[in-house]
Amino acid sequence: MSAYHGDNMAKPTPPSQSLSGDDMAIVEFERAWWGSVPNKESAVRERFGLTLARYYQRLYALCETAAALEYDAVFVRQCSQAQHMRQSARRLGPEGGEGSG
């Protein structure tokens, strides 16, 4: 018997978890304010009530979810690459090499 017969008809399954309205707002906001701009910190505080550090923690955690990848795969990949580059730069330090000094 086929899986498409009668009551056993296959139905599309929704993603296990979708983005909340706040999560979508953060993705949309970051898309519009990509990169570092002078008044981004005040805009984040006013719009989301978060410090810039907490905003980025939430953004990067959000970008690790399947729901965010489904919502905007290109943005999530760009965001993940930017996070990786920032982490690498911090590990290397201002001189560009580990343990220099």
PDB file of N, CA and C in Angstrom:
ATOM      1  N   MET A   1       0.845  -1.177   0.000  1.00  0.00           N
ATOM      2  CA  MET A   1       0.000   0.000   0.000  1.00  0.00           C
ATOM      3  C   MET A   1       0.892   1.243   0.000  1.00  0.00           C
ATOM      4  N   SER A   2       0.543   2.208  -0.775  1.00  0.00           N
ATOM      5  CA  SER A   2       1.315   3.441  -0.909  1.00  0.00           C
ATOM      6  C   SER A   2       1.108   4.353   0.302  1.00  0.00           C
ATOM      7  N   ALA A   3       2.124   5.125   0.609  1.00  0.00           N
ATOM      8  CA  ALA A   3       2.035   6.094   1.703  1.00  0.00           C
ATOM      9  C   ALA A   3       1.073   7.227   1.355  1.00  0.00           C
ATOM     10  N   TYR A   4       0.734   7.340   0.086  1.00  0.00           N
ATOM     11  CA  TYR A   4      -0.149   8.409  -0.362  1.00  0.00           C
ATOM     12  C   TYR A   4      -1.585   7.928  -0.507  1.00  0.00           C
ATOM     13  N   HIS A   5      -1.931   6.791   0.041  1.00  0.00           N
ATOM     14  CA  HIS A   5      -3.262   6.209  -0.100  1.00  0.00           C
ATOM     15  C   HIS A   5      -4.141   6.571   1.092  1.00  0.00           C
ATOM     16  N   GLY A   6      -5.316   7.095   0.797  1.00  0.00           N
ATOM     17  CA  GLY A   6      -6.318   7.353   1.824  1.00  0.00           C
ATOM     18  C   GLY A   6      -5.850   8.271   2.927  1.00  0.00           C
ATOM     19  N   ASP A   7      -6.103   7.871   4.186  1.00  0.00           N
ATOM     20  CA  ASP A   7      -5.768   8.688   5.350  1.00  0.00           C
ATOM     21  C   ASP A   7      -4.272   8.761   5.627  1.00  0.00           C
ATOM     22  N   ASN A   8      -3.510   7.917   4.991  1.00  0.00           N
ATOM     23  CA  ASN A   8      -2.064   7.886   5.219  1.00  0.00           C
ATOM     24  C   ASN A   8      -1.326   8.872   4.325  1.00  0.00           C
ATOM     25  N   MET A   9      -2.044   9.798   3.727  1.00  0.00           N
ATOM     26  CA  MET A   9      -1.433  10.751   2.803  1.00  0.00           C
ATOM     27  C   MET A   9      -0.338  11.547   3.503  1.00  0.00           C
ATOM     28  N   ALA A  10       0.806  11.620   2.873  1.00  0.00           N
ATOM     29  CA  ALA A  10       1.945  12.345   3.458  1.00  0.00           C
ATOM     30  C   ALA A  10       1.637  13.831   3.484  1.00  0.00           C
ATOM     31  N   LYS A  11       1.955  14.451   4.603  1.00  0.00           N
ATOM     32  CA  LYS A  11       1.736  15.885   4.762  1.00  0.00           C
ATOM     33  C   LYS A  11       3.072  16.545   5.034  1.00  0.00           C
ATOM     34  N   PRO A  12       3.274  17.754   4.495  1.00  0.00           N
ATOM     35  CA  PRO A  12       4.533  18.436   4.797  1.00  0.00           C
ATOM     36  C   PRO A  12       4.622  18.698   6.296  1.00  0.00           C
ATOM     37  N   THR A  13       5.808  18.526   6.819  1.00  0.00           N
ATOM     38  CA  THR A  13       5.990  18.773   8.250  1.00  0.00           C
ATOM     39  C   THR A  13       6.619  20.139   8.438  1.00  0.00           C
ATOM     40  N   PRO A  14       6.080  20.920   9.356  1.00  0.00           N
ATOM     41  CA  PRO A  14       6.667  22.245   9.616  1.00  0.00           C
ATOM     42  C   PRO A  14       8.008  22.079  10.304  1.00  0.00           C
ATOM     43  N   PRO A  15       8.853  23.110  10.262  1.00  0.00           N
ATOM     44  CA  PRO A  15      10.120  23.023  10.975  1.00  0.00           C
ATOM     45  C   PRO A  15       9.857  22.759  12.452  1.00  0.00           C
ATOM     46  N   SER A  16      10.781  22.058  13.090  1.00  0.00           N
ATOM     47  CA  SER A  16      10.586  21.685  14.483  1.00  0.00           C
ATOM     48  C   SER A  16      10.418  22.905  15.373  1.00  0.00           C
ATOM     49  N   GLN A  17      11.051  23.979  15.029  1.00  0.00           N
ATOM     50  CA  GLN A  17      10.939  25.199  15.822  1.00  0.00           C
ATOM     51  C   GLN A  17      11.062  26.373  14.868  1.00  0.00           C
ATOM     52  N   SER A  18      10.148  27.317  14.953  1.00  0.00           N
ATOM     53  CA  SER A  18      10.241  28.493  14.094  1.00  0.00           C
ATOM     54  C   SER A  18      10.731  29.679  14.920  1.00  0.00           C
ATOM     55  N   LEU A  19      11.145  30.704  14.223  1.00  0.00           N
ATOM     56  CA  LEU A  19      11.648  31.897  14.903  1.00  0.00           C
ATOM     57  C   LEU A  19      10.504  32.665  15.532  1.00  0.00           C
ATOM     58  N   SER A  20      10.749  33.207  16.712  1.00  0.00           N
ATOM     59  CA  SER A  20       9.755  34.075  17.349  1.00  0.00           C
ATOM     60  C   SER A  20       9.764  35.425  16.637  1.00  0.00           C
ATOM     61  N   GLY A  21       8.789  36.224  16.937  1.00  0.00           N
ATOM     62  CA  GLY A  21       8.735  37.569  16.360  1.00  0.00           C
ATOM     63  C   GLY A  21       9.958  38.391  16.738  1.00  0.00           C
ATOM     64  N   ASP A  22      10.418  38.254  18.001  1.00  0.00           N
ATOM     65  CA  ASP A  22      11.615  38.973  18.449  1.00  0.00           C
ATOM     66  C   ASP A  22      12.857  38.502  17.697  1.00  0.00           C
ATOM     67  N   ASP A  23      12.951  37.184  17.482  1.00  0.00           N
ATOM     68  CA  ASP A  23      14.107  36.639  16.759  1.00  0.00           C
ATOM     69  C   ASP A  23      14.138  37.133  15.320  1.00  0.00           C
ATOM     70  N   MET A  24      12.969  37.151  14.675  1.00  0.00           N
ATOM     71  CA  MET A  24      12.902  37.662  13.296  1.00  0.00           C
ATOM     72  C   MET A  24      13.275  39.144  13.267  1.00  0.00           C
ATOM     73  N   ALA A  25      12.839  39.893  14.277  1.00  0.00           N
ATOM     74  CA  ALA A  25      13.160  41.321  14.336  1.00  0.00           C
ATOM     75  C   ALA A  25      14.669  41.532  14.462  1.00  0.00           C
ATOM     76  N   ILE A  26      15.329  40.687  15.241  1.00  0.00           N
ATOM     77  CA  ILE A  26      16.782  40.803  15.397  1.00  0.00           C
ATOM     78  C   ILE A  26      17.482  40.510  14.072  1.00  0.00           C
ATOM     79  N   VAL A  27      17.056  39.463  13.373  1.00  0.00           N
ATOM     80  CA  VAL A  27      17.658  39.135  12.068  1.00  0.00           C
ATOM     81  C   VAL A  27      17.448  40.286  11.093  1.00  0.00           C
ATOM     82  N   GLU A  28      16.229  40.802  11.023  1.00  0.00           N
ATOM     83  CA  GLU A  28      15.933  41.907  10.104  1.00  0.00           C
ATOM     84  C   GLU A  28      16.725  43.162  10.473  1.00  0.00           C
ATOM     85  N   PHE A  29      16.825  43.453  11.763  1.00  0.00           N
ATOM     86  CA  PHE A  29      17.575  44.616  12.223  1.00  0.00           C
ATOM     87  C   PHE A  29      19.047  44.484  11.838  1.00  0.00           C
ATOM     88  N   GLU A  30      19.627  43.312  12.081  1.00  0.00           N
ATOM     89  CA  GLU A  30      21.045  43.116  11.776  1.00  0.00           C
ATOM     90  C   GLU A  30      21.296  43.199  10.276  1.00  0.00           C
ATOM     91  N   ARG A  31      20.363  42.708   9.481  1.00  0.00           N
ATOM     92  CA  ARG A  31      20.505  42.826   8.029  1.00  0.00           C
ATOM     93  C   ARG A  31      20.582  44.290   7.615  1.00  0.00           C
ATOM     94  N   ALA A  32      19.747  45.127   8.243  1.00  0.00           N
ATOM     95  CA  ALA A  32      19.709  46.547   7.903  1.00  0.00           C
ATOM     96  C   ALA A  32      20.917  47.307   8.456  1.00  0.00           C
ATOM     97  N   TRP A  33      21.465  46.867   9.597  1.00  0.00           N
ATOM     98  CA  TRP A  33      22.569  47.560  10.257  1.00  0.00           C
ATOM     99  C   TRP A  33      23.856  46.748  10.168  1.00  0.00           C
ATOM    100  N   TRP A  34      24.050  46.023   9.082  1.00  0.00           N
ATOM    101  CA  TRP A  34      25.201  45.146   8.956  1.00  0.00           C
ATOM    102  C   TRP A  34      26.499  45.911   9.209  1.00  0.00           C
ATOM    103  N   GLY A  35      27.357  45.313   9.986  1.00  0.00           N
ATOM    104  CA  GLY A  35      28.644  45.912  10.264  1.00  0.00           C
ATOM    105  C   GLY A  35      28.602  46.819  11.473  1.00  0.00           C
ATOM    106  N   SER A  36      29.595  47.618  11.569  1.00  0.00           N
ATOM    107  CA  SER A  36      29.751  48.477  12.731  1.00  0.00           C
ATOM    108  C   SER A  36      29.428  49.916  12.337  1.00  0.00           C
ATOM    109  N   VAL A  37      28.441  50.499  12.987  1.00  0.00           N
ATOM    110  CA  VAL A  37      28.073  51.887  12.722  1.00  0.00           C
ATOM    111  C   VAL A  37      28.024  52.641  14.040  1.00  0.00           C
ATOM    112  N   PRO A  38      28.236  53.954  14.003  1.00  0.00           N
ATOM    113  CA  PRO A  38      28.361  54.724  15.245  1.00  0.00           C
ATOM    114  C   PRO A  38      27.177  54.617  16.209  1.00  0.00           C
ATOM    115  N   ASN A  39      25.952  54.683  15.748  1.00  0.00           N
ATOM    116  CA  ASN A  39      24.832  54.706  16.679  1.00  0.00           C
ATOM    117  C   ASN A  39      24.086  53.373  16.747  1.00  0.00           C
ATOM    118  N   LYS A  40      24.729  52.295  16.379  1.00  0.00           N
ATOM    119  CA  LYS A  40      24.081  50.988  16.448  1.00  0.00           C
ATOM    120  C   LYS A  40      23.793  50.612  17.899  1.00  0.00           C
ATOM    121  N   GLU A  41      24.714  50.926  18.799  1.00  0.00           N
ATOM    122  CA  GLU A  41      24.533  50.571  20.209  1.00  0.00           C
ATOM    123  C   GLU A  41      23.275  51.212  20.781  1.00  0.00           C
ATOM    124  N   SER A  42      23.059  52.491  20.514  1.00  0.00           N
ATOM    125  CA  SER A  42      21.866  53.152  21.041  1.00  0.00           C
ATOM    126  C   SER A  42      20.604  52.626  20.358  1.00  0.00           C
ATOM    127  N   ALA A  43      20.693  52.296  19.077  1.00  0.00           N
ATOM    128  CA  ALA A  43      19.540  51.747  18.370  1.00  0.00           C
ATOM    129  C   ALA A  43      19.166  50.370  18.930  1.00  0.00           C
ATOM    130  N   VAL A  44      20.159  49.551  19.248  1.00  0.00           N
ATOM    131  CA  VAL A  44      19.914  48.229  19.833  1.00  0.00           C
ATOM    132  C   VAL A  44      19.285  48.374  21.212  1.00  0.00           C
ATOM    133  N   ARG A  45      19.816  49.274  21.994  1.00  0.00           N
ATOM    134  CA  ARG A  45      19.289  49.484  23.348  1.00  0.00           C
ATOM    135  C   ARG A  45      17.835  49.978  23.296  1.00  0.00           C
ATOM    136  N   GLU A  46      17.567  50.896  22.373  1.00  0.00           N
ATOM    137  CA  GLU A  46      16.214  51.455  22.256  1.00  0.00           C
ATOM    138  C   GLU A  46      15.226  50.422  21.709  1.00  0.00           C
ATOM    139  N   ARG A  47      15.631  49.688  20.701  1.00  0.00           N
ATOM    140  CA  ARG A  47      14.711  48.751  20.031  1.00  0.00           C
ATOM    141  C   ARG A  47      14.501  47.457  20.811  1.00  0.00           C
ATOM    142  N   PHE A  48      15.596  46.901  21.374  1.00  0.00           N
ATOM    143  CA  PHE A  48      15.505  45.584  22.001  1.00  0.00           C
ATOM    144  C   PHE A  48      15.739  45.591  23.509  1.00  0.00           C
ATOM    145  N   GLY A  49      16.189  46.721  24.038  1.00  0.00           N
ATOM    146  CA  GLY A  49      16.455  46.794  25.474  1.00  0.00           C
ATOM    147  C   GLY A  49      17.652  45.959  25.884  1.00  0.00           C
ATOM    148  N   LEU A  50      18.615  45.808  24.987  1.00  0.00           N
ATOM    149  CA  LEU A  50      19.801  44.986  25.251  1.00  0.00           C
ATOM    150  C   LEU A  50      21.063  45.811  25.097  1.00  0.00           C
ATOM    151  N   THR A  51      22.097  45.435  25.841  1.00  0.00           N
ATOM    152  CA  THR A  51      23.415  46.019  25.565  1.00  0.00           C
ATOM    153  C   THR A  51      23.891  45.434  24.244  1.00  0.00           C
ATOM    154  N   LEU A  52      24.868  46.060  23.638  1.00  0.00           N
ATOM    155  CA  LEU A  52      25.378  45.562  22.372  1.00  0.00           C
ATOM    156  C   LEU A  52      25.986  44.168  22.532  1.00  0.00           C
ATOM    157  N   ALA A  53      26.653  43.926  23.655  1.00  0.00           N
ATOM    158  CA  ALA A  53      27.252  42.609  23.901  1.00  0.00           C
ATOM    159  C   ALA A  53      26.170  41.528  23.982  1.00  0.00           C
ATOM    160  N   ARG A  54      25.089  41.794  24.747  1.00  0.00           N
ATOM    161  CA  ARG A  54      23.997  40.813  24.872  1.00  0.00           C
ATOM    162  C   ARG A  54      23.281  40.615  23.537  1.00  0.00           C
ATOM    163  N   TYR A  55      23.158  41.688  22.756  1.00  0.00           N
ATOM    164  CA  TYR A  55      22.542  41.601  21.435  1.00  0.00           C
ATOM    165  C   TYR A  55      23.332  40.637  20.552  1.00  0.00           C
ATOM    166  N   TYR A  56      24.659  40.815  20.519  1.00  0.00           N
ATOM    167  CA  TYR A  56      25.480  39.937  19.684  1.00  0.00           C
ATOM    168  C   TYR A  56      25.472  38.501  20.202  1.00  0.00           C
ATOM    169  N   GLN A  57      25.442  38.312  21.523  1.00  0.00           N
ATOM    170  CA  GLN A  57      25.335  36.956  22.058  1.00  0.00           C
ATOM    171  C   GLN A  57      24.045  36.300  21.572  1.00  0.00           C
ATOM    172  N   ARG A  58      22.966  37.043  21.637  1.00  0.00           N
ATOM    173  CA  ARG A  58      21.678  36.499  21.203  1.00  0.00           C
ATOM    174  C   ARG A  58      21.663  36.255  19.697  1.00  0.00           C
ATOM    175  N   LEU A  59      22.205  37.202  18.934  1.00  0.00           N
ATOM    176  CA  LEU A  59      22.252  37.061  17.481  1.00  0.00           C
ATOM    177  C   LEU A  59      23.048  35.823  17.080  1.00  0.00           C
ATOM    178  N   TYR A  60      24.224  35.655  17.666  1.00  0.00           N
ATOM    179  CA  TYR A  60      25.068  34.512  17.289  1.00  0.00           C
ATOM    180  C   TYR A  60      24.461  33.193  17.738  1.00  0.00           C
ATOM    181  N   ALA A  61      23.810  33.167  18.889  1.00  0.00           N
ATOM    182  CA  ALA A  61      23.117  31.954  19.328  1.00  0.00           C
ATOM    183  C   ALA A  61      21.959  31.650  18.380  1.00  0.00           C
ATOM    184  N   LEU A  62      21.267  32.671  17.972  1.00  0.00           N
ATOM    185  CA  LEU A  62      20.154  32.523  17.040  1.00  0.00           C
ATOM    186  C   LEU A  62      20.636  31.962  15.705  1.00  0.00           C
ATOM    187  N   CYS A  63      21.791  32.434  15.248  1.00  0.00           N
ATOM    188  CA  CYS A  63      22.328  31.997  13.957  1.00  0.00           C
ATOM    189  C   CYS A  63      22.803  30.543  13.980  1.00  0.00           C
ATOM    190  N   GLU A  64      22.842  29.942  15.140  1.00  0.00           N
ATOM    191  CA  GLU A  64      23.218  28.528  15.238  1.00  0.00           C
ATOM    192  C   GLU A  64      22.001  27.613  15.179  1.00  0.00           C
ATOM    193  N   THR A  65      20.802  28.180  15.027  1.00  0.00           N
ATOM    194  CA  THR A  65      19.588  27.372  15.020  1.00  0.00           C
ATOM    195  C   THR A  65      19.170  27.024  13.588  1.00  0.00           C
ATOM    196  N   ALA A  66      18.517  25.880  13.466  1.00  0.00           N
ATOM    197  CA  ALA A  66      18.000  25.457  12.170  1.00  0.00           C
ATOM    198  C   ALA A  66      16.900  26.409  11.693  1.00  0.00           C
ATOM    199  N   ALA A  67      16.124  26.939  12.626  1.00  0.00           N
ATOM    200  CA  ALA A  67      15.031  27.851  12.265  1.00  0.00           C
ATOM    201  C   ALA A  67      15.586  29.109  11.595  1.00  0.00           C
ATOM    202  N   ALA A  68      16.677  29.649  12.110  1.00  0.00           N
ATOM    203  CA  ALA A  68      17.281  30.844  11.508  1.00  0.00           C
ATOM    204  C   ALA A  68      17.850  30.520  10.130  1.00  0.00           C
ATOM    205  N   LEU A  69      18.449  29.352  10.009  1.00  0.00           N
ATOM    206  CA  LEU A  69      18.992  28.930   8.719  1.00  0.00           C
ATOM    207  C   LEU A  69      17.877  28.800   7.685  1.00  0.00           C
ATOM    208  N   GLU A  70      16.737  28.270   8.090  1.00  0.00           N
ATOM    209  CA  GLU A  70      15.586  28.171   7.193  1.00  0.00           C
ATOM    210  C   GLU A  70      15.041  29.549   6.848  1.00  0.00           C
ATOM    211  N   TYR A  71      15.065  30.465   7.808  1.00  0.00           N
ATOM    212  CA  TYR A  71      14.521  31.802   7.602  1.00  0.00           C
ATOM    213  C   TYR A  71      15.360  32.596   6.604  1.00  0.00           C
ATOM    214  N   ASP A  72      16.674  32.555   6.763  1.00  0.00           N
ATOM    215  CA  ASP A  72      17.563  33.314   5.869  1.00  0.00           C
ATOM    216  C   ASP A  72      18.956  32.684   5.885  1.00  0.00           C
ATOM    217  N   ALA A  73      19.158  31.692   5.051  1.00  0.00           N
ATOM    218  CA  ALA A  73      20.405  30.932   5.037  1.00  0.00           C
ATOM    219  C   ALA A  73      21.616  31.802   4.680  1.00  0.00           C
ATOM    220  N   VAL A  74      21.461  32.702   3.740  1.00  0.00           N
ATOM    221  CA  VAL A  74      22.586  33.543   3.321  1.00  0.00           C
ATOM    222  C   VAL A  74      23.040  34.439   4.470  1.00  0.00           C
ATOM    223  N   PHE A  75      22.085  35.090   5.114  1.00  0.00           N
ATOM    224  CA  PHE A  75      22.435  35.970   6.227  1.00  0.00           C
ATOM    225  C   PHE A  75      23.091  35.187   7.359  1.00  0.00           C
ATOM    226  N   VAL A  76      22.536  34.020   7.698  1.00  0.00           N
ATOM    227  CA  VAL A  76      23.079  33.216   8.794  1.00  0.00           C
ATOM    228  C   VAL A  76      24.518  32.819   8.502  1.00  0.00           C
ATOM    229  N   ARG A  77      24.798  32.427   7.275  1.00  0.00           N
ATOM    230  CA  ARG A  77      26.184  32.060   6.911  1.00  0.00           C
ATOM    231  C   ARG A  77      27.116  33.270   7.006  1.00  0.00           C
ATOM    232  N   GLN A  78      26.670  34.425   6.526  1.00  0.00           N
ATOM    233  CA  GLN A  78      27.490  35.640   6.622  1.00  0.00           C
ATOM    234  C   GLN A  78      27.749  36.003   8.079  1.00  0.00           C
ATOM    235  N   CYS A  79      26.734  35.904   8.892  1.00  0.00           N
ATOM    236  CA  CYS A  79      26.844  36.230  10.306  1.00  0.00           C
ATOM    237  C   CYS A  79      27.812  35.268  11.003  1.00  0.00           C
ATOM    238  N   SER A  80      27.706  33.997  10.689  1.00  0.00           N
ATOM    239  CA  SER A  80      28.597  32.994  11.281  1.00  0.00           C
ATOM    240  C   SER A  80      30.049  33.230  10.862  1.00  0.00           C
ATOM    241  N   GLN A  81      30.252  33.595   9.609  1.00  0.00           N
ATOM    242  CA  GLN A  81      31.611  33.900   9.142  1.00  0.00           C
ATOM    243  C   GLN A  81      32.170  35.123   9.861  1.00  0.00           C
ATOM    244  N   ALA A  82      31.355  36.143  10.041  1.00  0.00           N
ATOM    245  CA  ALA A  82      31.806  37.351  10.740  1.00  0.00           C
ATOM    246  C   ALA A  82      32.168  37.024  12.177  1.00  0.00           C
ATOM    247  N   GLN A  83      31.355  36.195  12.829  1.00  0.00           N
ATOM    248  CA  GLN A  83      31.639  35.793  14.204  1.00  0.00           C
ATOM    249  C   GLN A  83      32.951  35.027  14.262  1.00  0.00           C
ATOM    250  N   HIS A  84      33.153  34.117  13.337  1.00  0.00           N
ATOM    251  CA  HIS A  84      34.388  33.331  13.314  1.00  0.00           C
ATOM    252  C   HIS A  84      35.605  34.235  13.108  1.00  0.00           C
ATOM    253  N   MET A  85      35.495  35.216  12.219  1.00  0.00           N
ATOM    254  CA  MET A  85      36.612  36.137  11.978  1.00  0.00           C
ATOM    255  C   MET A  85      36.913  36.964  13.225  1.00  0.00           C
ATOM    256  N   ARG A  86      35.877  37.421  13.943  1.00  0.00           N
ATOM    257  CA  ARG A  86      36.095  38.195  15.169  1.00  0.00           C
ATOM    258  C   ARG A  86      36.774  37.342  16.232  1.00  0.00           C
ATOM    259  N   GLN A  87      36.328  36.091  16.362  1.00  0.00           N
ATOM    260  CA  GLN A  87      36.935  35.193  17.350  1.00  0.00           C
ATOM    261  C   GLN A  87      38.393  34.923  17.008  1.00  0.00           C
ATOM    262  N   SER A  88      38.692  34.723  15.734  1.00  0.00           N
ATOM    263  CA  SER A  88      40.070  34.481  15.305  1.00  0.00           C
ATOM    264  C   SER A  88      40.944  35.696  15.577  1.00  0.00           C
ATOM    265  N   ALA A  89      40.408  36.875  15.311  1.00  0.00           N
ATOM    266  CA  ALA A  89      41.167  38.103  15.543  1.00  0.00           C
ATOM    267  C   ALA A  89      41.456  38.277  17.028  1.00  0.00           C
ATOM    268  N   ARG A  90      40.490  37.941  17.888  1.00  0.00           N
ATOM    269  CA  ARG A  90      40.716  38.042  19.335  1.00  0.00           C
ATOM    270  C   ARG A  90      41.776  37.061  19.807  1.00  0.00           C
ATOM    271  N   ARG A  91      41.749  35.846  19.252  1.00  0.00           N
ATOM    272  CA  ARG A  91      42.745  34.840  19.648  1.00  0.00           C
ATOM    273  C   ARG A  91      44.141  35.251  19.221  1.00  0.00           C
ATOM    274  N   LEU A  92      44.228  35.860  18.041  1.00  0.00           N
ATOM    275  CA  LEU A  92      45.539  36.250  17.536  1.00  0.00           C
ATOM    276  C   LEU A  92      46.069  37.502  18.210  1.00  0.00           C
ATOM    277  N   GLY A  93      45.195  38.325  18.717  1.00  0.00           N
ATOM    278  CA  GLY A  93      45.618  39.533  19.418  1.00  0.00           C
ATOM    279  C   GLY A  93      45.942  40.651  18.451  1.00  0.00           C
ATOM    280  N   PRO A  94      46.288  41.823  18.991  1.00  0.00           N
ATOM    281  CA  PRO A  94      46.538  43.005  18.171  1.00  0.00           C
ATOM    282  C   PRO A  94      47.785  42.895  17.299  1.00  0.00           C
ATOM    283  N   GLU A  95      48.726  42.065  17.676  1.00  0.00           N
ATOM    284  CA  GLU A  95      49.961  41.932  16.902  1.00  0.00           C
ATOM    285  C   GLU A  95      49.814  40.947  15.744  1.00  0.00           C
ATOM    286  N   GLY A  96      48.714  40.206  15.718  1.00  0.00           N
ATOM    287  CA  GLY A  96      48.492  39.273  14.616  1.00  0.00           C
ATOM    288  C   GLY A  96      49.092  37.897  14.859  1.00  0.00           C
ATOM    289  N   GLY A  97      49.617  37.657  16.039  1.00  0.00           N
ATOM    290  CA  GLY A  97      50.182  36.342  16.340  1.00  0.00           C
ATOM    291  C   GLY A  97      49.899  35.964  17.771  1.00  0.00           C
ATOM    292  N   GLU A  98      49.747  34.663  18.008  1.00  0.00           N
ATOM    293  CA  GLU A  98      49.460  34.219  19.368  1.00  0.00           C
ATOM    294  C   GLU A  98      50.697  34.354  20.239  1.00  0.00           C
ATOM    295  N   GLY A  99      50.473  34.757  21.459  1.00  0.00           N
ATOM    296  CA  GLY A  99      51.552  34.783  22.439  1.00  0.00           C
ATOM    297  C   GLY A  99      52.655  35.774  22.151  1.00  0.00           C
ATOM    298  N   SER A 100      52.433  36.711  21.244  1.00  0.00           N
ATOM    299  CA  SER A 100      53.489  37.677  20.967  1.00  0.00           C
ATOM    300  C   SER A 100      53.515  38.723  22.071  1.00  0.00           C
ATOM    301  N   GLY A 101      54.647  39.154  22.398  1.00  0.00           N
ATOM    302  CA  GLY A 101      54.729  40.215  23.393  1.00  0.00           C
ATOM    303  C   GLY A 101      55.722  39.930  24.379  1.00  0.00           C
TER     304      GLY A 101
END
